[in-house]
Amino acid sequence: MRHHHFLAVLVVGLFLAAGPAHGFEETVDWIWNDTNPVPRGTCRNFIVQAGPPKVLRGKTSGRDCLKHAVRAYREGDHEEAFGWILAGQCHDREARERLVRNAANALDYVIKKYGAETP
């Protein structure tokens, strides 16, 4: 019984240390609020889709990255759609990792929250 108690405490401790399971919503919302068409650092060369043809982020704001994601999703290209979401956080490796861990949920969140605002 004592061994099971220790194991339960250990599992709960690891779960709490890992932080929230999500957090991707704030990351996506940050992308939407980024309206600067000049991305940070080397983001212009961020590969959205390896192709062919290869798709680069270029001079695209974070908001436009999400609009591209919505359009690609509507066309049935979920891989490119998620690539555009990642492109919106090309400057932040940890944010991209958070998005990758929650890929399906992040894509669903973008479509539900910003899809209606994307022609």
PDB file of N, CA and C in Angstrom:
ATOM      1  N   MET A   1       0.829  -1.185   0.000  1.00  0.00           N
ATOM      2  CA  MET A   1       0.000   0.000   0.000  1.00  0.00           C
ATOM      3  C   MET A   1       0.874   1.250   0.000  1.00  0.00           C
ATOM      4  N   ARG A   2       1.949   1.224   0.780  1.00  0.00           N
ATOM      5  CA  ARG A   2       2.835   2.367   0.867  1.00  0.00           C
ATOM      6  C   ARG A   2       3.494   2.650  -0.486  1.00  0.00           C
ATOM      7  N   HIS A   3       3.845   1.601  -1.188  1.00  0.00           N
ATOM      8  CA  HIS A   3       4.467   1.722  -2.511  1.00  0.00           C
ATOM      9  C   HIS A   3       3.505   2.399  -3.498  1.00  0.00           C
ATOM     10  N   HIS A   4       2.225   2.037  -3.467  1.00  0.00           N
ATOM     11  CA  HIS A   4       1.228   2.629  -4.358  1.00  0.00           C
ATOM     12  C   HIS A   4       1.022   4.098  -4.054  1.00  0.00           C
ATOM     13  N   HIS A   5       1.060   4.452  -2.756  1.00  0.00           N
ATOM     14  CA  HIS A   5       0.903   5.852  -2.366  1.00  0.00           C
ATOM     15  C   HIS A   5       2.061   6.689  -2.918  1.00  0.00           C
ATOM     16  N   PHE A   6       3.287   6.160  -2.761  1.00  0.00           N
ATOM     17  CA  PHE A   6       4.462   6.854  -3.283  1.00  0.00           C
ATOM     18  C   PHE A   6       4.365   7.040  -4.793  1.00  0.00           C
ATOM     19  N   LEU A   7       3.935   5.997  -5.483  1.00  0.00           N
ATOM     20  CA  LEU A   7       3.794   6.053  -6.932  1.00  0.00           C
ATOM     21  C   LEU A   7       2.755   7.087  -7.350  1.00  0.00           C
ATOM     22  N   ALA A   8       1.649   7.139  -6.649  1.00  0.00           N
ATOM     23  CA  ALA A   8       0.596   8.113  -6.956  1.00  0.00           C
ATOM     24  C   ALA A   8       1.103   9.534  -6.749  1.00  0.00           C
ATOM     25  N   VAL A   9       1.818   9.766  -5.658  1.00  0.00           N
ATOM     26  CA  VAL A   9       2.375  11.098  -5.385  1.00  0.00           C
ATOM     27  C   VAL A   9       3.388  11.470  -6.460  1.00  0.00           C
ATOM     28  N   LEU A  10       4.199  10.528  -6.873  1.00  0.00           N
ATOM     29  CA  LEU A  10       5.198  10.765  -7.909  1.00  0.00           C
ATOM     30  C   LEU A  10       4.539  11.150  -9.228  1.00  0.00           C
ATOM     31  N   VAL A  11       3.516  10.426  -9.633  1.00  0.00           N
ATOM     32  CA  VAL A  11       2.818  10.708 -10.890  1.00  0.00           C
ATOM     33  C   VAL A  11       2.171  12.086 -10.846  1.00  0.00           C
ATOM     34  N   VAL A  12       1.495  12.419  -9.750  1.00  0.00           N
ATOM     35  CA  VAL A  12       0.869  13.737  -9.621  1.00  0.00           C
ATOM     36  C   VAL A  12       1.927  14.828  -9.649  1.00  0.00           C
ATOM     37  N   GLY A  13       3.041  14.604  -8.982  1.00  0.00           N
ATOM     38  CA  GLY A  13       4.128  15.581  -8.976  1.00  0.00           C
ATOM     39  C   GLY A  13       4.696  15.820 -10.364  1.00  0.00           C
ATOM     40  N   LEU A  14       4.886  14.761 -11.117  1.00  0.00           N
ATOM     41  CA  LEU A  14       5.385  14.908 -12.487  1.00  0.00           C
ATOM     42  C   LEU A  14       4.390  15.634 -13.366  1.00  0.00           C
ATOM     43  N   PHE A  15       3.113  15.346 -13.183  1.00  0.00           N
ATOM     44  CA  PHE A  15       2.075  16.017 -13.959  1.00  0.00           C
ATOM     45  C   PHE A  15       2.071  17.505 -13.670  1.00  0.00           C
ATOM     46  N   LEU A  16       2.163  17.886 -12.402  1.00  0.00           N
ATOM     47  CA  LEU A  16       2.162  19.298 -12.031  1.00  0.00           C
ATOM     48  C   LEU A  16       3.427  20.002 -12.510  1.00  0.00           C
ATOM     49  N   ALA A  17       4.552  19.314 -12.465  1.00  0.00           N
ATOM     50  CA  ALA A  17       5.809  19.905 -12.908  1.00  0.00           C
ATOM     51  C   ALA A  17       5.811  20.145 -14.412  1.00  0.00           C
ATOM     52  N   ALA A  18       5.078  19.326 -15.140  1.00  0.00           N
ATOM     53  CA  ALA A  18       5.037  19.466 -16.598  1.00  0.00           C
ATOM     54  C   ALA A  18       4.227  20.670 -17.028  1.00  0.00           C
ATOM     55  N   GLY A  19       3.428  21.232 -16.141  1.00  0.00           N
ATOM     56  CA  GLY A  19       2.626  22.390 -16.479  1.00  0.00           C
ATOM     57  C   GLY A  19       1.332  21.979 -17.146  1.00  0.00           C
ATOM     58  N   PRO A  20       0.582  22.970 -17.637  1.00  0.00           N
ATOM     59  CA  PRO A  20      -0.704  22.666 -18.247  1.00  0.00           C
ATOM     60  C   PRO A  20      -0.545  21.845 -19.518  1.00  0.00           C
ATOM     61  N   ALA A  21      -1.515  21.005 -19.762  1.00  0.00           N
ATOM     62  CA  ALA A  21      -1.470  20.140 -20.939  1.00  0.00           C
ATOM     63  C   ALA A  21      -1.671  20.945 -22.214  1.00  0.00           C
ATOM     64  N   HIS A  22      -2.291  22.082 -22.098  1.00  0.00           N
ATOM     65  CA  HIS A  22      -2.574  22.873 -23.287  1.00  0.00           C
ATOM     66  C   HIS A  22      -1.751  24.155 -23.262  1.00  0.00           C
ATOM     67  N   GLY A  23      -2.339  25.279 -23.502  1.00  0.00           N
ATOM     68  CA  GLY A  23      -1.597  26.526 -23.586  1.00  0.00           C
ATOM     69  C   GLY A  23      -1.438  26.967 -25.028  1.00  0.00           C
ATOM     70  N   PHE A  24      -1.858  26.097 -25.930  1.00  0.00           N
ATOM     71  CA  PHE A  24      -1.725  26.434 -27.347  1.00  0.00           C
ATOM     72  C   PHE A  24      -2.669  27.568 -27.732  1.00  0.00           C
ATOM     73  N   GLU A  25      -3.768  27.744 -27.007  1.00  0.00           N
ATOM     74  CA  GLU A  25      -4.740  28.786 -27.353  1.00  0.00           C
ATOM     75  C   GLU A  25      -4.094  30.168 -27.302  1.00  0.00           C
ATOM     76  N   GLU A  26      -3.344  30.435 -26.222  1.00  0.00           N
ATOM     77  CA  GLU A  26      -2.667  31.724 -26.094  1.00  0.00           C
ATOM     78  C   GLU A  26      -1.632  31.906 -27.199  1.00  0.00           C
ATOM     79  N   THR A  27      -0.971  30.815 -27.547  1.00  0.00           N
ATOM     80  CA  THR A  27       0.031  30.857 -28.610  1.00  0.00           C
ATOM     81  C   THR A  27      -0.621  31.217 -29.941  1.00  0.00           C
ATOM     82  N   VAL A  28      -1.757  30.607 -30.237  1.00  0.00           N
ATOM     83  CA  VAL A  28      -2.477  30.898 -31.483  1.00  0.00           C
ATOM     84  C   VAL A  28      -3.012  32.329 -31.459  1.00  0.00           C
ATOM     85  N   ASP A  29      -3.569  32.754 -30.334  1.00  0.00           N
ATOM     86  CA  ASP A  29      -4.099  34.115 -30.238  1.00  0.00           C
ATOM     87  C   ASP A  29      -3.000  35.147 -30.431  1.00  0.00           C
ATOM     88  N   TRP A  30      -1.799  34.847 -29.931  1.00  0.00           N
ATOM     89  CA  TRP A  30      -0.667  35.755 -30.144  1.00  0.00           C
ATOM     90  C   TRP A  30      -0.397  35.893 -31.643  1.00  0.00           C
ATOM     91  N   ILE A  31      -0.430  34.775 -32.356  1.00  0.00           N
ATOM     92  CA  ILE A  31      -0.193  34.816 -33.800  1.00  0.00           C
ATOM     93  C   ILE A  31      -1.231  35.719 -34.465  1.00  0.00           C
ATOM     94  N   TRP A  32      -2.499  35.569 -34.098  1.00  0.00           N
ATOM     95  CA  TRP A  32      -3.566  36.369 -34.716  1.00  0.00           C
ATOM     96  C   TRP A  32      -3.346  37.859 -34.463  1.00  0.00           C
ATOM     97  N   ASN A  33      -2.837  38.207 -33.298  1.00  0.00           N
ATOM     98  CA  ASN A  33      -2.620  39.611 -32.946  1.00  0.00           C
ATOM     99  C   ASN A  33      -1.361  40.194 -33.563  1.00  0.00           C
ATOM    100  N   ASP A  34      -0.547  39.370 -34.186  1.00  0.00           N
ATOM    101  CA  ASP A  34       0.672  39.839 -34.847  1.00  0.00           C
ATOM    102  C   ASP A  34       0.324  40.285 -36.263  1.00  0.00           C
ATOM    103  N   THR A  35       0.202  41.588 -36.458  1.00  0.00           N
ATOM    104  CA  THR A  35      -0.177  42.118 -37.770  1.00  0.00           C
ATOM    105  C   THR A  35       0.993  42.736 -38.515  1.00  0.00           C
ATOM    106  N   ASN A  36       2.196  42.586 -37.988  1.00  0.00           N
ATOM    107  CA  ASN A  36       3.385  43.140 -38.635  1.00  0.00           C
ATOM    108  C   ASN A  36       3.780  42.243 -39.812  1.00  0.00           C
ATOM    109  N   PRO A  37       3.785  42.794 -41.044  1.00  0.00           N
ATOM    110  CA  PRO A  37       4.131  41.964 -42.212  1.00  0.00           C
ATOM    111  C   PRO A  37       5.615  41.634 -42.326  1.00  0.00           C
ATOM    112  N   VAL A  38       6.431  42.188 -41.435  1.00  0.00           N
ATOM    113  CA  VAL A  38       7.860  41.883 -41.461  1.00  0.00           C
ATOM    114  C   VAL A  38       8.162  40.963 -40.277  1.00  0.00           C
ATOM    115  N   PRO A  39       8.274  39.663 -40.544  1.00  0.00           N
ATOM    116  CA  PRO A  39       8.502  38.711 -39.451  1.00  0.00           C
ATOM    117  C   PRO A  39       9.880  38.893 -38.819  1.00  0.00           C
ATOM    118  N   ARG A  40      10.020  38.394 -37.607  1.00  0.00           N
ATOM    119  CA  ARG A  40      11.259  38.514 -36.847  1.00  0.00           C
ATOM    120  C   ARG A  40      12.356  37.613 -37.400  1.00  0.00           C
ATOM    121  N   GLY A  41      13.588  38.063 -37.268  1.00  0.00           N
ATOM    122  CA  GLY A  41      14.758  37.251 -37.579  1.00  0.00           C
ATOM    123  C   GLY A  41      14.717  36.609 -38.956  1.00  0.00           C
ATOM    124  N   THR A  42      14.974  35.325 -38.984  1.00  0.00           N
ATOM    125  CA  THR A  42      15.047  34.586 -40.243  1.00  0.00           C
ATOM    126  C   THR A  42      13.701  33.969 -40.616  1.00  0.00           C
ATOM    127  N   CYS A  43      12.636  34.459 -40.042  1.00  0.00           N
ATOM    128  CA  CYS A  43      11.317  33.867 -40.284  1.00  0.00           C
ATOM    129  C   CYS A  43      10.884  33.939 -41.742  1.00  0.00           C
ATOM    130  N   ARG A  44      11.386  34.906 -42.485  1.00  0.00           N
ATOM    131  CA  ARG A  44      10.996  35.007 -43.895  1.00  0.00           C
ATOM    132  C   ARG A  44      11.347  33.735 -44.648  1.00  0.00           C
ATOM    133  N   ASN A  45      12.385  33.039 -44.182  1.00  0.00           N
ATOM    134  CA  ASN A  45      12.834  31.811 -44.845  1.00  0.00           C
ATOM    135  C   ASN A  45      12.260  30.552 -44.201  1.00  0.00           C
ATOM    136  N   PHE A  46      11.289  30.707 -43.300  1.00  0.00           N
ATOM    137  CA  PHE A  46      10.679  29.555 -42.646  1.00  0.00           C
ATOM    138  C   PHE A  46       9.912  28.749 -43.698  1.00  0.00           C
ATOM    139  N   ILE A  47      10.178  27.453 -43.750  1.00  0.00           N
ATOM    140  CA  ILE A  47       9.537  26.579 -44.738  1.00  0.00           C
ATOM    141  C   ILE A  47       8.192  26.122 -44.188  1.00  0.00           C
ATOM    142  N   VAL A  48       7.131  26.575 -44.836  1.00  0.00           N
ATOM    143  CA  VAL A  48       5.769  26.193 -44.454  1.00  0.00           C
ATOM    144  C   VAL A  48       5.482  24.790 -44.948  1.00  0.00           C
ATOM    145  N   GLN A  49       5.854  24.539 -46.189  1.00  0.00           N
ATOM    146  CA  GLN A  49       5.642  23.221 -46.793  1.00  0.00           C
ATOM    147  C   GLN A  49       6.826  22.941 -47.714  1.00  0.00           C
ATOM    148  N   ALA A  50       7.402  21.758 -47.560  1.00  0.00           N
ATOM    149  CA  ALA A  50       8.605  21.419 -48.307  1.00  0.00           C
ATOM    150  C   ALA A  50       8.340  21.210 -49.788  1.00  0.00           C
ATOM    151  N   GLY A  51       7.107  20.953 -50.126  1.00  0.00           N
ATOM    152  CA  GLY A  51       6.742  20.887 -51.527  1.00  0.00           C
ATOM    153  C   GLY A  51       7.065  19.573 -52.194  1.00  0.00           C
ATOM    154  N   PRO A  52       7.170  19.524 -53.504  1.00  0.00           N
ATOM    155  CA  PRO A  52       7.177  20.715 -54.351  1.00  0.00           C
ATOM    156  C   PRO A  52       5.779  21.245 -54.612  1.00  0.00           C
ATOM    157  N   PRO A  53       5.610  22.496 -54.852  1.00  0.00           N
ATOM    158  CA  PRO A  53       6.635  23.542 -54.705  1.00  0.00           C
ATOM    159  C   PRO A  53       6.825  23.893 -53.242  1.00  0.00           C
ATOM    160  N   LYS A  54       8.021  24.360 -52.921  1.00  0.00           N
ATOM    161  CA  LYS A  54       8.331  24.751 -51.551  1.00  0.00           C
ATOM    162  C   LYS A  54       7.607  26.059 -51.245  1.00  0.00           C
ATOM    163  N   VAL A  55       7.000  26.147 -50.071  1.00  0.00           N
ATOM    164  CA  VAL A  55       6.283  27.346 -49.650  1.00  0.00           C
ATOM    165  C   VAL A  55       7.044  27.960 -48.488  1.00  0.00           C
ATOM    166  N   LEU A  56       7.454  29.228 -48.631  1.00  0.00           N
ATOM    167  CA  LEU A  56       8.140  29.961 -47.572  1.00  0.00           C
ATOM    168  C   LEU A  56       7.200  30.981 -46.961  1.00  0.00           C
ATOM    169  N   ARG A  57       7.461  31.341 -45.707  1.00  0.00           N
ATOM    170  CA  ARG A  57       6.621  32.352 -45.049  1.00  0.00           C
ATOM    171  C   ARG A  57       6.747  33.695 -45.745  1.00  0.00           C
ATOM    172  N   GLY A  58       7.940  34.129 -46.044  1.00  0.00           N
ATOM    173  CA  GLY A  58       8.126  35.421 -46.699  1.00  0.00           C
ATOM    174  C   GLY A  58       7.680  36.574 -45.814  1.00  0.00           C
ATOM    175  N   LYS A  59       7.219  37.644 -46.451  1.00  0.00           N
ATOM    176  CA  LYS A  59       6.763  38.836 -45.722  1.00  0.00           C
ATOM    177  C   LYS A  59       5.279  38.688 -45.423  1.00  0.00           C
ATOM    178  N   THR A  60       4.992  37.883 -44.411  1.00  0.00           N
ATOM    179  CA  THR A  60       3.616  37.573 -44.055  1.00  0.00           C
ATOM    180  C   THR A  60       3.445  37.786 -42.558  1.00  0.00           C
ATOM    181  N   SER A  61       2.417  38.513 -42.178  1.00  0.00           N
ATOM    182  CA  SER A  61       2.153  38.715 -40.751  1.00  0.00           C
ATOM    183  C   SER A  61       1.659  37.423 -40.124  1.00  0.00           C
ATOM    184  N   GLY A  62       1.687  37.368 -38.806  1.00  0.00           N
ATOM    185  CA  GLY A  62       1.149  36.206 -38.105  1.00  0.00           C
ATOM    186  C   GLY A  62      -0.316  35.995 -38.428  1.00  0.00           C
ATOM    187  N   ARG A  63      -1.072  37.098 -38.452  1.00  0.00           N
ATOM    188  CA  ARG A  63      -2.505  36.983 -38.765  1.00  0.00           C
ATOM    189  C   ARG A  63      -2.706  36.387 -40.155  1.00  0.00           C
ATOM    190  N   ASP A  64      -1.904  36.846 -41.108  1.00  0.00           N
ATOM    191  CA  ASP A  64      -2.032  36.299 -42.461  1.00  0.00           C
ATOM    192  C   ASP A  64      -1.596  34.837 -42.527  1.00  0.00           C
ATOM    193  N   CYS A  65      -0.655  34.439 -41.656  1.00  0.00           N
ATOM    194  CA  CYS A  65      -0.288  33.023 -41.576  1.00  0.00           C
ATOM    195  C   CYS A  65      -1.515  32.195 -41.209  1.00  0.00           C
ATOM    196  N   LEU A  66      -2.286  32.678 -40.216  1.00  0.00           N
ATOM    197  CA  LEU A  66      -3.485  31.936 -39.814  1.00  0.00           C
ATOM    198  C   LEU A  66      -4.542  31.961 -40.904  1.00  0.00           C
ATOM    199  N   LYS A  67      -4.639  33.062 -41.642  1.00  0.00           N
ATOM    200  CA  LYS A  67      -5.598  33.108 -42.758  1.00  0.00           C
ATOM    201  C   LYS A  67      -5.198  32.107 -43.844  1.00  0.00           C
ATOM    202  N   HIS A  68      -3.896  32.006 -44.111  1.00  0.00           N
ATOM    203  CA  HIS A  68      -3.417  30.994 -45.060  1.00  0.00           C
ATOM    204  C   HIS A  68      -3.750  29.593 -44.542  1.00  0.00           C
ATOM    205  N   ALA A  69      -3.608  29.400 -43.228  1.00  0.00           N
ATOM    206  CA  ALA A  69      -3.911  28.095 -42.624  1.00  0.00           C
ATOM    207  C   ALA A  69      -5.378  27.731 -42.833  1.00  0.00           C
ATOM    208  N   VAL A  70      -6.269  28.692 -42.625  1.00  0.00           N
ATOM    209  CA  VAL A  70      -7.705  28.442 -42.800  1.00  0.00           C
ATOM    210  C   VAL A  70      -7.998  28.089 -44.252  1.00  0.00           C
ATOM    211  N   ARG A  71      -7.413  28.836 -45.178  1.00  0.00           N
ATOM    212  CA  ARG A  71      -7.659  28.566 -46.608  1.00  0.00           C
ATOM    213  C   ARG A  71      -7.128  27.194 -47.012  1.00  0.00           C
ATOM    214  N   ALA A  72      -5.928  26.848 -46.544  1.00  0.00           N
ATOM    215  CA  ALA A  72      -5.364  25.537 -46.871  1.00  0.00           C
ATOM    216  C   ALA A  72      -6.234  24.421 -46.289  1.00  0.00           C
ATOM    217  N   TYR A  73      -6.742  24.633 -45.091  1.00  0.00           N
ATOM    218  CA  TYR A  73      -7.619  23.646 -44.453  1.00  0.00           C
ATOM    219  C   TYR A  73      -8.884  23.454 -45.284  1.00  0.00           C
ATOM    220  N   ARG A  74      -9.462  24.558 -45.729  1.00  0.00           N
ATOM    221  CA  ARG A  74     -10.679  24.484 -46.546  1.00  0.00           C
ATOM    222  C   ARG A  74     -10.446  23.749 -47.857  1.00  0.00           C
ATOM    223  N   GLU A  75      -9.208  23.843 -48.371  1.00  0.00           N
ATOM    224  CA  GLU A  75      -8.858  23.146 -49.612  1.00  0.00           C
ATOM    225  C   GLU A  75      -8.485  21.688 -49.348  1.00  0.00           C
ATOM    226  N   GLY A  76      -8.495  21.288 -48.086  1.00  0.00           N
ATOM    227  CA  GLY A  76      -8.213  19.904 -47.741  1.00  0.00           C
ATOM    228  C   GLY A  76      -6.761  19.589 -47.446  1.00  0.00           C
ATOM    229  N   ASP A  77      -5.890  20.609 -47.442  1.00  0.00           N
ATOM    230  CA  ASP A  77      -4.469  20.370 -47.184  1.00  0.00           C
ATOM    231  C   ASP A  77      -4.165  20.701 -45.724  1.00  0.00           C
ATOM    232  N   HIS A  78      -4.403  19.744 -44.842  1.00  0.00           N
ATOM    233  CA  HIS A  78      -4.224  19.962 -43.416  1.00  0.00           C
ATOM    234  C   HIS A  78      -2.759  20.100 -43.043  1.00  0.00           C
ATOM    235  N   GLU A  79      -1.882  19.451 -43.801  1.00  0.00           N
ATOM    236  CA  GLU A  79      -0.447  19.568 -43.544  1.00  0.00           C
ATOM    237  C   GLU A  79       0.025  20.999 -43.793  1.00  0.00           C
ATOM    238  N   GLU A  80      -0.369  21.568 -44.916  1.00  0.00           N
ATOM    239  CA  GLU A  80       0.005  22.954 -45.196  1.00  0.00           C
ATOM    240  C   GLU A  80      -0.652  23.896 -44.189  1.00  0.00           C
ATOM    241  N   ALA A  81      -1.894  23.612 -43.818  1.00  0.00           N
ATOM    242  CA  ALA A  81      -2.589  24.448 -42.839  1.00  0.00           C
ATOM    243  C   ALA A  81      -1.796  24.505 -41.536  1.00  0.00           C
ATOM    244  N   PHE A  82      -1.350  23.359 -41.052  1.00  0.00           N
ATOM    245  CA  PHE A  82      -0.593  23.351 -39.807  1.00  0.00           C
ATOM    246  C   PHE A  82       0.773  24.004 -40.001  1.00  0.00           C
ATOM    247  N   GLY A  83       1.357  23.852 -41.176  1.00  0.00           N
ATOM    248  CA  GLY A  83       2.625  24.524 -41.467  1.00  0.00           C
ATOM    249  C   GLY A  83       2.503  26.034 -41.347  1.00  0.00           C
ATOM    250  N   TRP A  84       1.379  26.574 -41.801  1.00  0.00           N
ATOM    251  CA  TRP A  84       1.145  28.014 -41.677  1.00  0.00           C
ATOM    252  C   TRP A  84       0.978  28.424 -40.220  1.00  0.00           C
ATOM    253  N   ILE A  85       0.361  27.573 -39.422  1.00  0.00           N
ATOM    254  CA  ILE A  85       0.236  27.890 -37.994  1.00  0.00           C
ATOM    255  C   ILE A  85       1.628  27.945 -37.369  1.00  0.00           C
ATOM    256  N   LEU A  86       2.467  26.968 -37.677  1.00  0.00           N
ATOM    257  CA  LEU A  86       3.834  26.963 -37.153  1.00  0.00           C
ATOM    258  C   LEU A  86       4.624  28.170 -37.651  1.00  0.00           C
ATOM    259  N   ALA A  87       4.382  28.582 -38.882  1.00  0.00           N
ATOM    260  CA  ALA A  87       5.088  29.742 -39.435  1.00  0.00           C
ATOM    261  C   ALA A  87       4.799  30.999 -38.631  1.00  0.00           C
ATOM    262  N   GLY A  88       3.606  31.075 -38.058  1.00  0.00           N
ATOM    263  CA  GLY A  88       3.260  32.237 -37.240  1.00  0.00           C
ATOM    264  C   GLY A  88       4.072  32.331 -35.967  1.00  0.00           C
ATOM    265  N   GLN A  89       4.705  31.236 -35.567  1.00  0.00           N
ATOM    266  CA  GLN A  89       5.557  31.221 -34.375  1.00  0.00           C
ATOM    267  C   GLN A  89       6.981  30.802 -34.744  1.00  0.00           C
ATOM    268  N   CYS A  90       7.411  31.132 -35.958  1.00  0.00           N
ATOM    269  CA  CYS A  90       8.723  30.666 -36.422  1.00  0.00           C
ATOM    270  C   CYS A  90       9.864  31.172 -35.548  1.00  0.00           C
ATOM    271  N   HIS A  91       9.673  32.262 -34.847  1.00  0.00           N
ATOM    272  CA  HIS A  91      10.720  32.849 -34.018  1.00  0.00           C
ATOM    273  C   HIS A  91      10.817  32.224 -32.630  1.00  0.00           C
ATOM    274  N   ASP A  92       9.847  31.379 -32.260  1.00  0.00           N
ATOM    275  CA  ASP A  92       9.769  30.851 -30.896  1.00  0.00           C
ATOM    276  C   ASP A  92       9.673  29.325 -30.920  1.00  0.00           C
ATOM    277  N   ARG A  93      10.806  28.671 -30.701  1.00  0.00           N
ATOM    278  CA  ARG A  93      10.873  27.209 -30.758  1.00  0.00           C
ATOM    279  C   ARG A  93       9.939  26.555 -29.746  1.00  0.00           C
ATOM    280  N   GLU A  94       9.901  27.072 -28.521  1.00  0.00           N
ATOM    281  CA  GLU A  94       9.033  26.483 -27.494  1.00  0.00           C
ATOM    282  C   GLU A  94       7.562  26.592 -27.872  1.00  0.00           C
ATOM    283  N   ALA A  95       7.169  27.709 -28.458  1.00  0.00           N
ATOM    284  CA  ALA A  95       5.778  27.874 -28.893  1.00  0.00           C
ATOM    285  C   ALA A  95       5.452  26.875 -30.003  1.00  0.00           C
ATOM    286  N   ARG A  96       6.386  26.676 -30.941  1.00  0.00           N
ATOM    287  CA  ARG A  96       6.159  25.687 -32.004  1.00  0.00           C
ATOM    288  C   ARG A  96       6.023  24.289 -31.422  1.00  0.00           C
ATOM    289  N   GLU A  97       6.857  23.956 -30.440  1.00  0.00           N
ATOM    290  CA  GLU A  97       6.766  22.633 -29.810  1.00  0.00           C
ATOM    291  C   GLU A  97       5.419  22.455 -29.114  1.00  0.00           C
ATOM    292  N   ARG A  98       4.939  23.514 -28.464  1.00  0.00           N
ATOM    293  CA  ARG A  98       3.624  23.461 -27.809  1.00  0.00           C
ATOM    294  C   ARG A  98       2.535  23.218 -28.843  1.00  0.00           C
ATOM    295  N   LEU A  99       2.646  23.872 -29.986  1.00  0.00           N
ATOM    296  CA  LEU A  99       1.665  23.681 -31.056  1.00  0.00           C
ATOM    297  C   LEU A  99       1.727  22.259 -31.604  1.00  0.00           C
ATOM    298  N   VAL A 100       2.921  21.741 -31.792  1.00  0.00           N
ATOM    299  CA  VAL A 100       3.076  20.377 -32.316  1.00  0.00           C
ATOM    300  C   VAL A 100       2.475  19.362 -31.349  1.00  0.00           C
ATOM    301  N   ARG A 101       2.693  19.554 -30.051  1.00  0.00           N
ATOM    302  CA  ARG A 101       2.123  18.622 -29.051  1.00  0.00           C
ATOM    303  C   ARG A 101       0.595  18.640 -29.077  1.00  0.00           C
ATOM    304  N   ASN A 102       0.026  19.732 -29.537  1.00  0.00           N
ATOM    305  CA  ASN A 102      -1.433  19.894 -29.552  1.00  0.00           C
ATOM    306  C   ASN A 102      -1.931  20.144 -30.974  1.00  0.00           C
ATOM    307  N   ALA A 103      -1.294  19.528 -31.951  1.00  0.00           N
ATOM    308  CA  ALA A 103      -1.533  19.839 -33.360  1.00  0.00           C
ATOM    309  C   ALA A 103      -3.006  19.792 -33.760  1.00  0.00           C
ATOM    310  N   ALA A 104      -3.668  18.697 -33.512  1.00  0.00           N
ATOM    311  CA  ALA A 104      -5.074  18.574 -33.935  1.00  0.00           C
ATOM    312  C   ALA A 104      -5.949  19.608 -33.237  1.00  0.00           C
ATOM    313  N   ASN A 105      -5.738  19.798 -31.941  1.00  0.00           N
ATOM    314  CA  ASN A 105      -6.524  20.784 -31.200  1.00  0.00           C
ATOM    315  C   ASN A 105      -6.227  22.207 -31.653  1.00  0.00           C
ATOM    316  N   ALA A 106      -4.958  22.490 -31.942  1.00  0.00           N
ATOM    317  CA  ALA A 106      -4.581  23.826 -32.389  1.00  0.00           C
ATOM    318  C   ALA A 106      -5.216  24.134 -33.741  1.00  0.00           C
ATOM    319  N   LEU A 107      -5.188  23.184 -34.645  1.00  0.00           N
ATOM    320  CA  LEU A 107      -5.797  23.375 -35.958  1.00  0.00           C
ATOM    321  C   LEU A 107      -7.302  23.581 -35.818  1.00  0.00           C
ATOM    322  N   ASP A 108      -7.927  22.781 -34.999  1.00  0.00           N
ATOM    323  CA  ASP A 108      -9.365  22.918 -34.750  1.00  0.00           C
ATOM    324  C   ASP A 108      -9.685  24.286 -34.142  1.00  0.00           C
ATOM    325  N   TYR A 109      -8.851  24.740 -33.211  1.00  0.00           N
ATOM    326  CA  TYR A 109      -9.041  26.043 -32.565  1.00  0.00           C
ATOM    327  C   TYR A 109      -8.958  27.174 -33.588  1.00  0.00           C
ATOM    328  N   VAL A 110      -7.962  27.105 -34.461  1.00  0.00           N
ATOM    329  CA  VAL A 110      -7.807  28.140 -35.495  1.00  0.00           C
ATOM    330  C   VAL A 110      -9.041  28.190 -36.383  1.00  0.00           C
ATOM    331  N   ILE A 111      -9.502  27.041 -36.825  1.00  0.00           N
ATOM    332  CA  ILE A 111     -10.655  26.993 -37.730  1.00  0.00           C
ATOM    333  C   ILE A 111     -11.903  27.528 -37.043  1.00  0.00           C
ATOM    334  N   LYS A 112     -12.143  27.096 -35.819  1.00  0.00           N
ATOM    335  CA  LYS A 112     -13.351  27.522 -35.109  1.00  0.00           C
ATOM    336  C   LYS A 112     -13.308  28.996 -34.716  1.00  0.00           C
ATOM    337  N   LYS A 113     -12.159  29.472 -34.259  1.00  0.00           N
ATOM    338  CA  LYS A 113     -12.084  30.848 -33.748  1.00  0.00           C
ATOM    339  C   LYS A 113     -11.878  31.877 -34.850  1.00  0.00           C
ATOM    340  N   TYR A 114     -11.075  31.555 -35.847  1.00  0.00           N
ATOM    341  CA  TYR A 114     -10.707  32.552 -36.862  1.00  0.00           C
ATOM    342  C   TYR A 114     -11.219  32.235 -38.260  1.00  0.00           C
ATOM    343  N   GLY A 115     -11.811  31.081 -38.431  1.00  0.00           N
ATOM    344  CA  GLY A 115     -12.299  30.696 -39.756  1.00  0.00           C
ATOM    345  C   GLY A 115     -13.344  31.657 -40.309  1.00  0.00           C
ATOM    346  N   ALA A 116     -14.253  32.109 -39.470  1.00  0.00           N
ATOM    347  CA  ALA A 116     -15.315  33.022 -39.929  1.00  0.00           C
ATOM    348  C   ALA A 116     -14.754  34.391 -40.327  1.00  0.00           C
ATOM    349  N   GLU A 117     -13.568  34.727 -39.812  1.00  0.00           N
ATOM    350  CA  GLU A 117     -12.958  36.016 -40.128  1.00  0.00           C
ATOM    351  C   GLU A 117     -12.025  35.939 -41.343  1.00  0.00           C
ATOM    352  N   THR A 118     -12.031  34.792 -41.984  1.00  0.00           N
ATOM    353  CA  THR A 118     -11.138  34.583 -43.128  1.00  0.00           C
ATOM    354  C   THR A 118     -11.983  34.333 -44.373  1.00  0.00           C
ATOM    355  N   PRO A 119     -11.885  35.247 -45.345  1.00  0.00           N
ATOM    356  CA  PRO A 119     -12.662  35.060 -46.587  1.00  0.00           C
ATOM    357  C   PRO A 119     -12.169  33.877 -47.401  1.00  0.00           C
TER     358      PRO A 119
END
